[in-house]
C-alpha cells in the first residue's frame, strides 16, 4: 500500500573513521563501553532518559477531542531537513493554515527509537515533532514499527535491519508489553501529542495457516498499548485498527464480500472479519482508523477513476454503522495506482488533484471526519509528482504545490463537525461534476479532461479541464 518509505533513509549510527594506532585504540575502547555485556548490541548514541520531555511542547487544547481534521503524513523525506530557507518556507506556509500531521516512530524518516532495551534514540523523531510544532500543526503519532530485538532480530544501534521485510515484521507476543512500554515512553516525551494510532496496516499480522489476518494477535497488541497510553494520561486519544480495506474485482468470488460491494468492486471479506473482531474485542477506542485505495487489489479503477472513489463512501458508511459515534479516520487514501517502483507520476497534476478532491468528497459523504494525505516527498530536485511542496534541498525549494492548496482549503472549509448540505446541480451538469457543500462553501470538481459549462447552487460558470473550484455561499 502506498509509498511507505520502508527504505527509510534515516540517519544510522556510524563512527567517523579514525587514523593512527592511538585513534584505533580509542575507537575500540568506545565500542566496548557502548556495548552492553551479554546483549551483543551497541548502545552508541543512545540515552536512558527516553521519557524526558523534549523541547518546548505546544499547549494542546484543554479538551483534545478525537477529531483532528484533514492533514498529511510525513514520509521518508520531509521539510524538517534541507536548506534552512526552504524548510522555513514550508513551516511558514503551513502555519498560515495549520494541519494535523502524522509521524511514525520508526521508519518513514525516523530512526530505531529503542535499539537496545531501555536505551533510546529519538533524534530524528525529535526533529520531526519540532517541525510540527514550528508549523503550528496538530501532531499525531503512528506507533509503528518495532525495534529489531522485539521481533527476533539483534539489539544494537549497529544491527537495525532496514529491509522492507524486517520493517514490516510485528513484535513477538512476548514483547507486546515491551512495545506498550515504548509507546508510553513516546507519550511522556511528547506530552503535546494527544492522538496515537496503534500500528500500521496489520504489518506482520497474517495467519499463514488459515490464510487470513491474525486479528487476535493485533487486537492483543492494541489492547496492551491502549492500556499503557491511558495510564500515562487518560485524556490521550487512541485509535486503530488501521486495516487496509482491499477491494476485489467484482467478478471474483473467492474472499469477496457478498454485501459490501458496488461498481468499484467487492470488499475482501477477510478484512471485514478482522475489523469486526477488533471492534468487538478492543479494550476501547477514541476513534477508528482505516486506509486504502479507490482501485482494486489488482490496481484497476472501476468503472473509472472518479466513480471508483465511491468506494470511500461505501466503506466509511459500513465502518460508521458498526462503531456508532466513534470518529472515522483514513490514515492513508490513494486514488492513483502506482507502477512497479511504487511511483505515482503518470497523471497530470490537474487530473491528480481532481481525483483527489473527488476522493475527499467521497470520504466526507460517508461520515469521515479526519484523513491524511500520504505526502510522496522527494529528497532532491525540482519535480515532485503529487507532493505538497517542492524538495527542500536547495534555498529555492519548499515552495507550495497545488496539492497543499487542496488539502489546506478542504481542512479549512470542512473541519470536523461540518454539517453538509445538498446543493442544486443542473441535470445536464450532474454527471460531469462532483460537489460537496456546507452553509459557507461549495467545492466543485470537473471530472472531464475538457472545458465544460455547468450550473451549481444557482450559478452558471465554466470549468477548465479537471478544474477544482471553490464557491462562497
Protein backbone atom coordinates (compact mmCIF):
# COMPACT_ATOMS: atom_id res chain seq x y z
CA UNK A 1 0.00 0.00 0.00
CA UNK A 2 1.38 3.34 -0.93
CA UNK A 3 4.87 4.73 -0.85
CA UNK A 4 5.60 3.56 2.63
CA UNK A 5 9.22 4.51 2.52
CA UNK A 6 10.50 1.33 4.12
CA UNK A 7 13.86 2.34 2.69
CA UNK A 8 13.67 4.98 5.33
CA UNK A 9 16.84 6.91 4.60
CA UNK A 10 17.12 7.68 8.28
CA UNK A 11 20.36 8.59 9.96
CA UNK A 12 22.19 5.46 11.05
CA UNK A 13 24.94 5.46 13.60
CA UNK A 14 28.38 5.45 12.05
CA UNK A 15 31.69 6.09 13.80
CA UNK A 16 33.90 8.51 11.90
CA UNK A 17 37.00 6.76 10.61
CA UNK A 18 39.93 7.30 12.92
CA UNK A 19 43.52 7.33 11.74
CA UNK A 20 46.56 6.08 13.63
CA UNK A 21 47.12 3.41 16.22
CA UNK A 22 46.10 5.63 19.12
CA UNK A 23 42.85 6.58 17.46
CA UNK A 24 42.11 2.96 16.64
CA UNK A 25 42.64 2.00 20.26
CA UNK A 26 40.31 4.78 21.36
CA UNK A 27 37.65 3.54 18.96
CA UNK A 28 37.97 0.05 20.42
CA UNK A 29 37.52 1.39 23.94
CA UNK A 30 34.45 3.37 22.86
CA UNK A 31 32.98 0.28 21.24
CA UNK A 32 33.46 -1.75 24.39
CA UNK A 33 31.95 0.99 26.53
CA UNK A 34 28.91 1.25 24.31
CA UNK A 35 28.28 -2.48 24.11
CA UNK A 36 26.06 -4.00 26.72
CA UNK A 37 27.58 -7.20 28.13
CA UNK A 38 25.67 -10.29 27.10
CA UNK A 39 23.37 -8.30 24.85
CA UNK A 40 25.63 -8.20 21.83
CA UNK A 41 24.43 -4.79 20.71
CA UNK A 42 25.97 -1.36 20.60
CA UNK A 43 24.24 1.36 22.59
CA UNK A 44 26.26 4.12 20.95
CA UNK A 45 24.33 7.37 20.60
CA UNK A 46 21.51 6.29 22.89
CA UNK A 47 20.29 7.55 26.24
CA UNK A 48 18.38 6.06 29.13
CA UNK A 49 16.03 9.02 29.61
CA UNK A 50 13.73 8.40 26.68
CA UNK A 51 10.73 9.64 28.63
CA UNK A 52 12.31 13.02 29.37
CA UNK A 53 10.12 15.77 27.92
CA UNK A 54 11.64 17.02 24.68
CA UNK A 55 11.91 20.69 23.83
CA UNK A 56 9.05 23.06 24.46
CA UNK A 57 5.77 21.24 23.92
CA UNK A 58 2.99 23.19 22.32
CA UNK A 59 -0.01 23.79 24.53
CA UNK A 60 -2.75 21.43 23.37
CA UNK A 61 -6.42 22.35 23.68
CA UNK A 62 -7.80 21.86 27.17
CA UNK A 63 -10.02 19.12 25.84
CA UNK A 64 -8.37 17.50 22.83
CA UNK A 65 -11.17 15.63 21.13
CA UNK A 66 -10.80 12.60 18.88
CA UNK A 67 -11.23 14.61 15.65
CA UNK A 68 -8.28 16.45 14.11
CA UNK A 69 -9.39 17.23 10.55
CA UNK A 70 -7.76 16.79 7.16
CA UNK A 71 -3.95 16.72 7.05
CA UNK A 72 -0.95 14.77 5.83
CA UNK A 73 1.68 12.19 6.79
CA UNK A 74 5.42 12.82 6.84
CA UNK A 75 7.30 10.17 4.85
CA UNK A 76 10.93 9.31 4.22
CA UNK A 77 11.84 12.87 3.23
CA UNK A 78 10.19 15.97 4.61
CA UNK A 79 10.72 19.62 5.42
CA UNK A 80 12.50 19.02 8.71
CA UNK A 81 15.79 18.75 6.80
CA UNK A 82 17.43 20.61 3.93
CA UNK A 83 18.13 24.25 3.24
CA UNK A 84 17.18 26.50 6.14
CA UNK A 85 15.42 28.90 3.81
CA UNK A 86 13.40 26.09 2.22
CA UNK A 87 12.38 24.43 5.48
CA UNK A 88 11.30 27.80 6.91
CA UNK A 89 9.28 28.47 3.78
CA UNK A 90 7.31 25.26 4.29
CA UNK A 91 6.83 25.86 8.02
CA UNK A 92 5.61 29.40 7.44
CA UNK A 93 3.22 28.29 4.71
CA UNK A 94 1.79 25.54 6.91
CA UNK A 95 1.46 27.94 9.84
CA UNK A 96 -0.92 30.06 7.74
CA UNK A 97 -3.39 27.16 7.79
CA UNK A 98 -2.17 24.61 10.38
CA UNK A 99 -2.80 20.98 9.51
CA UNK A 100 -2.73 17.75 11.51
CA UNK A 101 0.49 15.87 10.74
CA UNK A 102 1.34 12.18 11.26
CA UNK A 103 4.80 10.85 12.07
CA UNK A 104 5.70 7.17 12.62
CA UNK A 105 8.08 6.28 15.44
CA UNK A 106 10.35 4.07 13.28
CA UNK A 107 10.89 4.29 9.54
CA UNK A 108 9.49 6.97 7.23
CA UNK A 109 12.14 9.40 8.39
CA UNK A 110 12.65 8.17 11.95
CA UNK A 111 15.49 6.00 13.25
CA UNK A 112 15.17 2.98 15.54
CA UNK A 113 13.77 4.54 18.75
CA UNK A 114 14.93 1.79 21.12
CA UNK A 115 17.80 -0.17 19.53
CA UNK A 116 18.63 -1.78 22.86
CA UNK A 117 16.07 -2.41 25.58
CA UNK A 118 15.92 0.64 27.81
CA UNK A 119 18.23 2.69 25.57
CA UNK A 120 16.63 5.28 23.31
CA UNK A 121 17.45 7.32 20.22
CA UNK A 122 14.79 9.91 19.42
CA UNK A 123 16.96 12.36 17.48
CA UNK A 124 15.01 12.01 14.22
CA UNK A 125 11.65 11.86 15.97
CA UNK A 126 12.53 14.97 17.97
CA UNK A 127 13.33 16.85 14.78
CA UNK A 128 10.03 15.86 13.16
CA UNK A 129 7.99 16.80 16.23
CA UNK A 130 9.85 20.13 16.39
CA UNK A 131 8.82 20.80 12.80
CA UNK A 132 5.17 20.04 13.54
CA UNK A 133 5.34 22.43 16.48
CA UNK A 134 7.05 25.13 14.43
CA UNK A 135 4.43 24.89 11.70
CA UNK A 136 1.57 25.05 14.20
CA UNK A 137 0.23 21.61 13.29
CA UNK A 138 -1.58 19.06 15.41
CA UNK A 139 0.91 16.22 15.97
CA UNK A 140 -0.32 12.65 15.53
CA UNK A 141 1.93 9.64 16.17
CA UNK A 142 1.58 6.28 14.47
CA UNK A 143 3.05 3.58 16.70
CA UNK A 144 4.91 1.61 14.05
CA UNK A 145 7.29 -0.02 13.61
CA UNK A 146 9.16 -2.16 16.20
CA UNK A 147 12.85 -2.34 17.22
CA UNK A 148 14.62 -5.45 15.98
CA UNK A 149 15.04 -7.07 19.40
CA UNK A 150 11.26 -7.12 19.82
CA UNK A 151 10.76 -9.17 16.66
CA UNK A 152 13.55 -11.76 16.76
CA UNK A 153 16.40 -9.59 15.48
CA UNK A 154 19.57 -8.44 17.15
CA UNK A 155 19.73 -5.50 19.52
CA UNK A 156 22.09 -2.62 18.96
CA UNK A 157 22.42 0.59 17.01
CA UNK A 158 24.61 -1.28 14.54
CA UNK A 159 22.11 -4.09 13.97
CA UNK A 160 18.93 -2.39 12.74
CA UNK A 161 17.65 -4.21 9.65
CA UNK A 162 16.02 -1.67 7.34
CA UNK A 163 14.81 -4.14 4.72
CA UNK A 164 11.11 -3.99 3.93
CA UNK A 165 10.58 -7.49 5.25
CA UNK A 166 12.20 -6.65 8.57
CA UNK A 167 10.46 -3.32 8.98
CA UNK A 168 7.08 -4.91 8.31
CA UNK A 169 7.56 -7.60 10.97
CA UNK A 170 5.37 -7.30 14.04
CA UNK A 171 6.74 -7.55 17.58
CA UNK A 172 6.56 -11.06 19.02
CA UNK A 173 3.83 -11.71 21.61
CA UNK A 174 6.43 -12.00 24.40
CA UNK A 175 7.41 -8.41 23.59
CA UNK A 176 3.94 -6.87 23.39
CA UNK A 177 4.43 -5.38 26.84
CA UNK A 178 7.82 -4.01 25.78
CA UNK A 179 6.18 -2.33 22.82
CA UNK A 180 3.45 -0.91 25.02
CA UNK A 181 6.16 0.46 27.31
CA UNK A 182 7.84 2.11 24.31
CA UNK A 183 4.52 3.70 23.37
CA UNK A 184 4.22 5.09 26.90
CA UNK A 185 7.76 6.43 26.68
CA UNK A 186 6.88 8.28 23.46
CA UNK A 187 3.75 9.72 25.08
CA UNK A 188 5.76 11.03 28.04
CA UNK A 189 8.45 12.52 25.80
CA UNK A 190 5.93 14.46 23.69
CA UNK A 191 3.11 15.46 26.05
CA UNK A 192 1.56 17.68 23.37
CA UNK A 193 0.87 14.61 21.22
CA UNK A 194 -2.68 13.72 22.19
CA UNK A 195 -3.53 11.31 19.35
CA UNK A 196 -1.93 7.91 18.78
CA UNK A 197 -2.63 5.33 16.09
CA UNK A 198 -1.67 1.76 17.03
CA UNK A 199 0.45 0.06 14.36
CA UNK A 200 0.17 0.30 10.58
CA UNK A 201 -1.85 -1.89 8.21
CA UNK A 202 -1.62 -5.05 10.33
CA UNK A 203 2.02 -5.37 9.18
CA UNK A 204 3.32 -8.77 10.27
CA UNK A 205 -0.10 -9.88 11.48
CA UNK A 206 -1.01 -12.51 8.89
CA UNK A 207 -2.06 -16.06 9.75
CA UNK A 208 -0.41 -18.22 7.08
CA UNK A 209 -2.02 -21.43 8.31
CA UNK A 210 -5.54 -20.07 7.89
CA UNK A 211 -4.85 -17.57 5.09
CA UNK A 212 -6.40 -14.70 7.00
CA UNK A 213 -5.39 -11.78 9.14
CA UNK A 214 -4.11 -12.55 12.64
CA UNK A 215 -6.68 -10.25 14.17
CA UNK A 216 -6.34 -11.95 17.55
CA UNK A 217 -2.65 -11.03 17.72
CA UNK A 218 -3.15 -7.46 16.57
CA UNK A 219 -6.02 -6.89 19.00
CA UNK A 220 -3.91 -8.17 21.88
CA UNK A 221 -1.11 -5.74 20.98
CA UNK A 222 -3.63 -2.93 20.54
CA UNK A 223 -5.21 -3.55 23.94
CA UNK A 224 -1.88 -3.52 25.75
CA UNK A 225 -0.78 -0.33 24.04
CA UNK A 226 -4.15 1.27 24.73
CA UNK A 227 -3.81 0.44 28.44
CA UNK A 228 -0.25 1.79 28.60
CA UNK A 229 -1.16 5.08 26.92
CA UNK A 230 -4.21 5.64 29.10
CA UNK A 231 -2.03 5.00 32.16
CA UNK A 232 0.17 7.91 31.06
CA UNK A 233 -2.82 10.20 30.60
CA UNK A 234 -6.44 9.17 30.46
CA UNK A 235 -7.13 12.02 28.03
CA UNK A 236 -4.78 10.64 25.36
CA UNK A 237 -6.82 9.67 22.29
CA UNK A 238 -6.10 6.18 20.92
CA UNK A 239 -7.30 4.60 17.69
CA UNK A 240 -6.98 1.57 15.41
CA UNK A 241 -7.04 -0.88 13.71
CA UNK A 242 -5.52 0.82 10.60
CA UNK A 243 -6.59 -2.02 8.31
CA UNK A 244 -6.10 -1.89 4.53
CA UNK A 245 -9.62 -2.04 3.13
CA UNK A 246 -8.79 -4.02 -0.01
CA UNK A 247 -11.42 -4.46 -2.70
CA UNK A 248 -11.54 -7.14 -5.36
CA UNK A 249 -12.64 -7.36 -8.98
CA UNK A 250 -16.47 -7.59 -8.90
CA UNK A 251 -16.30 -10.84 -10.87
CA UNK A 252 -14.15 -12.53 -8.21
CA UNK A 253 -16.00 -14.86 -5.86
CA UNK A 254 -13.26 -16.14 -3.55
CA UNK A 255 -12.85 -13.95 -0.44
CA UNK A 256 -15.35 -11.42 -1.83
CA UNK A 257 -17.95 -9.86 0.45
CA UNK A 258 -21.48 -10.72 -0.67
CA UNK A 259 -22.87 -7.50 0.81
CA UNK A 260 -20.27 -4.68 0.74
CA UNK A 261 -19.79 -4.20 -2.96
CA UNK A 262 -20.50 -1.88 -5.84
CA UNK A 263 -19.42 -0.97 -9.37
CA UNK A 264 -15.98 -0.28 -7.81
CA UNK A 265 -15.63 -3.93 -6.76
CA UNK A 266 -16.29 -6.11 -3.72
CA UNK A 267 -14.64 -5.79 -0.34
CA UNK A 268 -12.27 -8.55 0.77
CA UNK A 269 -14.30 -10.40 3.40
CA UNK A 270 -11.14 -11.25 5.34
CA UNK A 271 -10.63 -7.55 6.02
CA UNK A 272 -14.20 -7.15 7.23
CA UNK A 273 -13.81 -10.16 9.52
CA UNK A 274 -10.64 -8.69 11.00
CA UNK A 275 -12.34 -5.36 11.60
CA UNK A 276 -15.35 -6.96 13.27
CA UNK A 277 -13.12 -8.97 15.62
CA UNK A 278 -11.14 -5.90 16.66
CA UNK A 279 -14.29 -3.86 17.07
CA UNK A 280 -15.85 -6.49 19.33
CA UNK A 281 -12.74 -7.24 21.42
CA UNK A 282 -10.93 -3.90 21.66
CA UNK A 283 -10.25 -2.51 25.13
CA UNK A 284 -11.53 0.83 23.95
CA UNK A 285 -11.07 3.38 21.18
CA UNK A 286 -11.47 7.11 20.82
CA UNK A 287 -11.51 6.98 17.03
CA UNK A 288 -11.42 4.34 14.28
CA UNK A 289 -8.72 4.13 11.61
CA UNK A 290 -8.68 2.50 8.17
CA UNK A 291 -6.73 3.08 4.99
CA UNK A 292 -6.97 2.01 1.39
CA UNK A 293 -7.29 2.85 -2.25
CA UNK A 294 -10.19 3.53 -4.58
CA UNK A 295 -8.80 0.94 -7.02
CA UNK A 296 -8.94 -2.83 -6.63
CA UNK A 297 -6.25 -5.05 -5.21
CA UNK A 298 -5.19 -5.64 -8.82
CA UNK A 299 -4.76 -1.88 -9.38
CA UNK A 300 -7.87 -1.49 -11.54
CA UNK A 301 -10.07 1.62 -11.37
CA UNK A 302 -13.73 0.67 -11.77
CA UNK A 303 -15.69 1.88 -13.58
CA UNK A 304 -13.35 4.88 -13.93
CA UNK A 305 -11.08 6.89 -11.65
CA UNK A 306 -13.84 9.21 -10.42
CA UNK A 307 -16.59 6.63 -9.93
CA UNK A 308 -14.08 4.39 -8.16
CA UNK A 309 -13.90 6.90 -5.31
CA UNK A 310 -17.46 5.89 -4.36
CA UNK A 311 -15.75 3.02 -2.55
CA UNK A 312 -14.62 5.52 0.09
CA UNK A 313 -18.23 6.46 0.77
CA UNK A 314 -19.40 2.85 0.99
CA UNK A 315 -16.59 1.71 3.28
CA UNK A 316 -16.91 4.79 5.50
CA UNK A 317 -20.62 4.15 5.99
CA UNK A 318 -20.01 0.47 6.70
CA UNK A 319 -17.50 1.33 9.43
CA UNK A 320 -19.66 4.05 10.97
CA UNK A 321 -22.61 1.66 11.15
CA UNK A 322 -20.51 -0.67 13.30
CA UNK A 323 -18.78 1.84 15.53
CA UNK A 324 -21.56 4.29 16.27
CA UNK A 325 -20.37 7.72 17.28
CA UNK A 326 -16.64 7.00 17.03
CA UNK A 327 -14.97 9.43 14.62
CA UNK A 328 -13.61 7.80 11.47
CA UNK A 329 -10.09 8.48 10.21
CA UNK A 330 -8.49 7.43 6.94
CA UNK A 331 -4.77 7.25 7.78
CA UNK A 332 -3.96 6.92 4.07
CA UNK A 333 -6.01 7.07 0.90
CA UNK A 334 -4.95 6.53 -2.71
CA UNK A 335 -6.72 7.23 -5.99
CA UNK A 336 -3.87 6.75 -8.47
CA UNK A 337 -2.40 3.25 -8.98
CA UNK A 338 1.36 3.02 -8.64
CA UNK A 339 3.90 1.50 -11.01
CA UNK A 340 6.34 -1.32 -10.26
CA UNK A 341 8.53 1.09 -8.27
CA UNK A 342 5.56 2.33 -6.22
CA UNK A 343 5.67 5.66 -8.05
CA UNK A 344 2.57 7.65 -8.96
CA UNK A 345 3.56 10.11 -11.64
CA UNK A 346 1.65 9.12 -14.79
CA UNK A 347 -1.19 11.60 -14.36
CA UNK A 348 -1.10 15.33 -14.92
CA UNK A 349 -1.23 17.39 -11.74
CA UNK A 350 -4.67 18.70 -12.74
CA UNK A 351 -6.07 15.19 -13.13
CA UNK A 352 -4.44 14.06 -9.90
CA UNK A 353 -5.91 17.00 -7.99
CA UNK A 354 -9.39 16.47 -9.40
CA UNK A 355 -9.48 12.78 -8.49
CA UNK A 356 -8.01 13.50 -5.05
CA UNK A 357 -10.69 16.10 -4.43
CA UNK A 358 -13.33 13.59 -5.51
CA UNK A 359 -11.88 11.04 -3.10
CA UNK A 360 -12.04 13.51 -0.22
CA UNK A 361 -15.62 14.39 -1.13
CA UNK A 362 -16.49 10.69 -1.12
CA UNK A 363 -14.95 10.14 2.31
CA UNK A 364 -16.77 13.15 3.76
CA UNK A 365 -20.07 11.93 2.34
CA UNK A 366 -19.54 8.61 4.12
CA UNK A 367 -19.00 10.24 7.50
CA UNK A 368 -15.20 10.51 7.60
CA UNK A 369 -14.06 13.26 9.96
CA UNK A 370 -10.25 13.12 9.56
CA UNK A 371 -8.00 11.93 6.74
CA UNK A 372 -4.31 12.16 5.93
CA UNK A 373 -2.70 12.66 2.56
CA UNK A 374 0.39 10.47 2.13
CA UNK A 375 2.98 13.04 1.04
CA UNK A 376 5.34 11.44 -1.53
CA UNK A 377 8.14 13.93 -0.91
CA UNK A 378 11.41 13.72 -2.88
CA UNK A 379 14.79 14.37 -1.30
CA UNK A 380 16.20 16.46 -4.16
CA UNK A 381 15.34 18.03 -7.49
CA UNK A 382 12.52 20.20 -8.73
CA UNK A 383 9.92 17.69 -9.92
CA UNK A 384 7.71 16.07 -7.31
CA UNK A 385 4.50 14.49 -8.62
CA UNK A 386 1.69 14.77 -6.14
CA UNK A 387 3.85 16.39 -3.47
CA UNK A 388 2.69 19.12 -1.12
CA UNK A 389 5.82 21.23 -1.67
CA UNK A 390 8.98 21.14 -3.76
CA UNK A 391 12.05 19.36 -2.30
CA UNK A 392 13.85 21.36 0.38
CA UNK A 393 17.43 20.52 -0.58
CA UNK A 394 18.08 23.96 -2.09
CA UNK A 395 17.39 27.52 -0.96
CA UNK A 396 14.68 28.00 -3.57
CA UNK A 397 12.92 24.76 -2.56
CA UNK A 398 9.96 24.24 -0.25
CA UNK A 399 7.51 26.07 -2.50
CA UNK A 400 3.86 25.06 -2.11
CA UNK A 401 2.33 22.86 -4.79
CA UNK A 402 -1.34 22.53 -5.82
CA UNK A 403 -1.98 19.51 -3.58
CA UNK A 404 -1.12 21.54 -0.48
CA UNK A 405 -3.66 24.16 -1.51
CA UNK A 406 -6.32 21.47 -1.90
CA UNK A 407 -5.67 19.78 1.45
CA UNK A 408 -5.36 23.09 3.33
CA UNK A 409 -8.53 24.56 1.82
CA UNK A 410 -10.51 21.38 2.40
CA UNK A 411 -9.44 21.33 6.05
CA UNK A 412 -10.38 24.99 6.49
CA UNK A 413 -13.77 24.80 4.78
CA UNK A 414 -14.88 21.40 6.06
CA UNK A 415 -13.50 20.92 9.60
CA UNK A 416 -14.72 18.19 11.97
CA UNK A 417 -18.34 18.77 12.88
CA UNK A 418 -19.26 20.18 9.46
CA UNK A 419 -22.90 19.69 8.55
CA UNK A 420 -23.03 19.10 4.81
CA UNK A 421 -25.89 20.40 2.71
CA UNK A 422 -27.47 19.44 -0.57
CA UNK A 423 -26.98 21.94 -3.39
CA UNK A 424 -28.71 22.27 -6.71
CA UNK A 425 -26.78 20.89 -9.69
CA UNK A 426 -28.36 21.22 -13.13
CA UNK A 427 -29.38 17.90 -14.59
CA UNK A 428 -27.07 18.29 -17.53
CA UNK A 429 -24.12 19.03 -15.23
CA UNK A 430 -24.63 16.31 -12.64
CA UNK A 431 -22.80 13.51 -14.48
CA UNK A 432 -19.82 15.77 -15.14
CA UNK A 433 -19.10 17.22 -11.70
CA UNK A 434 -18.58 16.18 -8.08
CA UNK A 435 -19.90 18.56 -5.43
CA UNK A 436 -19.63 18.99 -1.65
CA UNK A 437 -21.12 21.88 0.31
CA UNK A 438 -21.91 23.27 3.72
CA UNK A 439 -23.56 26.57 4.61
CA UNK A 440 -20.46 28.62 3.72
CA UNK A 441 -18.67 26.95 0.83
CA UNK A 442 -19.17 24.71 -2.19
CA UNK A 443 -16.46 22.54 -3.73
CA UNK A 444 -16.98 21.69 -7.40
CA UNK A 445 -14.82 19.27 -9.40
CA UNK A 446 -14.85 18.83 -13.17
CA UNK A 447 -14.40 15.12 -13.87
CA UNK A 448 -13.70 15.65 -17.57
CA UNK A 449 -10.47 16.41 -19.40
CA UNK A 450 -12.09 19.30 -21.23
CA UNK A 451 -13.72 22.63 -20.55
CA UNK A 452 -17.39 22.47 -19.56
CA UNK A 453 -20.19 24.86 -18.69
CA UNK A 454 -22.05 23.95 -15.52
CA UNK A 455 -24.72 25.25 -13.15
CA UNK A 456 -24.25 24.66 -9.43
CA UNK A 457 -26.01 26.30 -6.47
CA UNK A 458 -27.87 28.66 -8.78
CA UNK A 459 -24.75 29.92 -10.54
CA UNK A 460 -23.62 29.16 -14.07
CA UNK A 461 -19.90 29.20 -14.84
CA UNK A 462 -17.21 27.48 -16.87
CA UNK A 463 -14.74 24.92 -15.54
CA UNK A 464 -11.45 24.10 -17.19
CA UNK A 465 -10.31 20.52 -17.75
CA UNK A 466 -10.17 18.78 -14.35
CA UNK A 467 -10.64 22.11 -12.61
CA UNK A 468 -11.28 22.21 -8.86
CA UNK A 469 -13.29 25.31 -7.94
CA UNK A 470 -14.43 26.77 -4.62
CA UNK A 471 -17.59 28.88 -4.33
CA UNK A 472 -18.51 31.07 -1.38
CA UNK A 473 -22.13 30.94 -0.22
